[in-house]
Amino acid sequence: MTNLKIKLLGACCSGNCSLLERNVRAALKELNLDLDIERVDDLASIVNYGCLNVPGLVINERLISQGTVLEIDQIKNIISSFTSSERDS
């Protein structure tokens, strides 16, 4: 089982935040991963991650993207790189 911690930065009431969340959930489903997704909507917390444009995606406390909605395949590739580096360590 993987120990990935995924956070979505943004109010998630905008279309882009919601779309990124749907894409992350779809990517996790396609990868057969059952992980919780934490929503972070506090502006100070978002800025602390270095995110200046929402939506933002954080995996294991690392800002992966900001201001864009990643496609499902992009998210799958990113998550796969985290899970493969976890297996290598």
C-alpha atoms as a PDB file:
ATOM      1  CA  MET A   1       0.000   0.000   0.000  1.00  0.00           C
ATOM      2  CA  THR A   2       1.278   3.412  -0.893  1.00  0.00           C
ATOM      3  CA  ASN A   3       1.709   6.242   1.590  1.00  0.00           C
ATOM      4  CA  LEU A   4       0.865   9.105  -0.730  1.00  0.00           C
ATOM      5  CA  LYS A   5      -0.742  12.179   0.762  1.00  0.00           C
ATOM      6  CA  ILE A   6      -2.661  14.208  -1.783  1.00  0.00           C
ATOM      7  CA  LYS A   7      -3.933  17.727  -1.218  1.00  0.00           C
ATOM      8  CA  LEU A   8      -5.967  19.985  -3.474  1.00  0.00           C
ATOM      9  CA  LEU A   9      -5.352  23.680  -2.981  1.00  0.00           C
ATOM     10  CA  GLY A  10      -8.202  26.079  -3.641  1.00  0.00           C
ATOM     11  CA  ALA A  11     -11.733  26.782  -2.603  1.00  0.00           C
ATOM     12  CA  CYS A  12     -12.941  23.939  -4.843  1.00  0.00           C
ATOM     13  CA  CYS A  13     -16.069  25.910  -5.573  1.00  0.00           C
ATOM     14  CA  SER A  14     -14.631  27.157  -8.846  1.00  0.00           C
ATOM     15  CA  GLY A  15     -14.965  25.023 -11.926  1.00  0.00           C
ATOM     16  CA  ASN A  16     -11.227  24.419 -12.219  1.00  0.00           C
ATOM     17  CA  CYS A  17     -10.816  23.233  -8.629  1.00  0.00           C
ATOM     18  CA  SER A  18     -13.711  20.832  -9.008  1.00  0.00           C
ATOM     19  CA  LEU A  19     -12.428  19.581 -12.351  1.00  0.00           C
ATOM     20  CA  LEU A  20      -8.958  18.917 -10.923  1.00  0.00           C
ATOM     21  CA  GLU A  21     -10.521  17.003  -8.042  1.00  0.00           C
ATOM     22  CA  ARG A  22     -12.573  14.874 -10.449  1.00  0.00           C
ATOM     23  CA  ASN A  23      -9.457  14.164 -12.532  1.00  0.00           C
ATOM     24  CA  VAL A  24      -7.422  13.191  -9.455  1.00  0.00           C
ATOM     25  CA  ARG A  25     -10.186  10.871  -8.265  1.00  0.00           C
ATOM     26  CA  ALA A  26     -10.461   9.309 -11.741  1.00  0.00           C
ATOM     27  CA  ALA A  27      -6.680   8.809 -11.914  1.00  0.00           C
ATOM     28  CA  LEU A  28      -6.649   7.141  -8.493  1.00  0.00           C
ATOM     29  CA  LYS A  29      -9.498   4.866  -9.540  1.00  0.00           C
ATOM     30  CA  GLU A  30      -7.719   3.860 -12.753  1.00  0.00           C
ATOM     31  CA  LEU A  31      -4.576   3.109 -10.716  1.00  0.00           C
ATOM     32  CA  ASN A  32      -6.642   1.092  -8.208  1.00  0.00           C
ATOM     33  CA  LEU A  33      -5.522   3.333  -5.348  1.00  0.00           C
ATOM     34  CA  ASP A  34      -7.862   4.126  -2.487  1.00  0.00           C
ATOM     35  CA  LEU A  35      -6.419   7.334  -1.048  1.00  0.00           C
ATOM     36  CA  ASP A  36      -7.944  10.246   0.787  1.00  0.00           C
ATOM     37  CA  ILE A  37      -7.753  13.665  -0.818  1.00  0.00           C
ATOM     38  CA  GLU A  38      -7.452  16.600   1.545  1.00  0.00           C
ATOM     39  CA  ARG A  39      -8.869  19.943   0.498  1.00  0.00           C
ATOM     40  CA  VAL A  40      -6.963  23.041   1.569  1.00  0.00           C
ATOM     41  CA  ASP A  41      -8.928  26.247   1.141  1.00  0.00           C
ATOM     42  CA  ASP A  42      -7.224  28.498   3.684  1.00  0.00           C
ATOM     43  CA  LEU A  43      -5.368  31.225   1.767  1.00  0.00           C
ATOM     44  CA  ALA A  44      -2.419  31.349   4.183  1.00  0.00           C
ATOM     45  CA  SER A  45      -1.937  27.578   3.929  1.00  0.00           C
ATOM     46  CA  ILE A  46      -2.161  27.685   0.128  1.00  0.00           C
ATOM     47  CA  VAL A  47       0.496  30.410  -0.051  1.00  0.00           C
ATOM     48  CA  ASN A  48       2.703  28.455   2.383  1.00  0.00           C
ATOM     49  CA  TYR A  49       2.919  25.723  -0.258  1.00  0.00           C
ATOM     50  CA  GLY A  50       4.181  28.332  -2.720  1.00  0.00           C
ATOM     51  CA  CYS A  51       0.955  28.204  -4.695  1.00  0.00           C
ATOM     52  CA  LEU A  52      -0.021  31.564  -6.134  1.00  0.00           C
ATOM     53  CA  ASN A  53      -2.654  30.301  -8.600  1.00  0.00           C
ATOM     54  CA  VAL A  54      -5.336  27.774  -7.767  1.00  0.00           C
ATOM     55  CA  PRO A  55      -6.092  25.042  -8.306  1.00  0.00           C
ATOM     56  CA  GLY A  56      -2.983  23.500  -6.854  1.00  0.00           C
ATOM     57  CA  LEU A  57      -1.982  19.874  -6.443  1.00  0.00           C
ATOM     58  CA  VAL A  58       0.302  18.784  -3.606  1.00  0.00           C
ATOM     59  CA  ILE A  59       1.626  15.250  -3.232  1.00  0.00           C
ATOM     60  CA  ASN A  60       3.611  14.326  -0.140  1.00  0.00           C
ATOM     61  CA  GLU A  61       3.917  18.018   0.782  1.00  0.00           C
ATOM     62  CA  ARG A  62       5.442  18.908  -2.612  1.00  0.00           C
ATOM     63  CA  LEU A  63       3.667  21.376  -4.896  1.00  0.00           C
ATOM     64  CA  ILE A  64       3.187  19.531  -8.181  1.00  0.00           C
ATOM     65  CA  SER A  65       1.110  22.001 -10.160  1.00  0.00           C
ATOM     66  CA  GLN A  66      -0.680  25.305  -9.803  1.00  0.00           C
ATOM     67  CA  GLY A  67      -3.083  27.317 -11.884  1.00  0.00           C
ATOM     68  CA  THR A  68      -3.877  24.472 -14.245  1.00  0.00           C
ATOM     69  CA  VAL A  69      -6.140  21.453 -14.465  1.00  0.00           C
ATOM     70  CA  LEU A  70      -4.006  18.412 -15.113  1.00  0.00           C
ATOM     71  CA  GLU A  71      -5.422  15.711 -17.353  1.00  0.00           C
ATOM     72  CA  ILE A  72      -6.102  12.249 -15.923  1.00  0.00           C
ATOM     73  CA  ASP A  73      -3.145  10.685 -17.747  1.00  0.00           C
ATOM     74  CA  GLN A  74      -0.808  13.417 -16.483  1.00  0.00           C
ATOM     75  CA  ILE A  75      -1.943  12.777 -12.920  1.00  0.00           C
ATOM     76  CA  LYS A  76      -1.529   9.022 -13.347  1.00  0.00           C
ATOM     77  CA  ASN A  77       2.047   9.526 -14.570  1.00  0.00           C
ATOM     78  CA  ILE A  78       2.855  11.799 -11.623  1.00  0.00           C
ATOM     79  CA  ILE A  79       1.359   9.395  -9.081  1.00  0.00           C
ATOM     80  CA  SER A  80       3.129   6.465 -10.730  1.00  0.00           C
ATOM     81  CA  SER A  81       6.458   8.263 -10.429  1.00  0.00           C
ATOM     82  CA  PHE A  82       5.844   8.708  -6.694  1.00  0.00           C
ATOM     83  CA  THR A  83       4.827   5.087  -6.183  1.00  0.00           C
ATOM     84  CA  SER A  84       7.770   3.746  -8.200  1.00  0.00           C
ATOM     85  CA  SER A  85      10.271   5.908  -6.286  1.00  0.00           C
ATOM     86  CA  GLU A  86       8.690   4.584  -3.093  1.00  0.00           C
ATOM     87  CA  ARG A  87       9.337   1.004  -4.261  1.00  0.00           C
ATOM     88  CA  ASP A  88      12.939   1.872  -5.182  1.00  0.00           C
ATOM     89  CA  SER A  89      13.749   3.225  -1.723  1.00  0.00           C
END
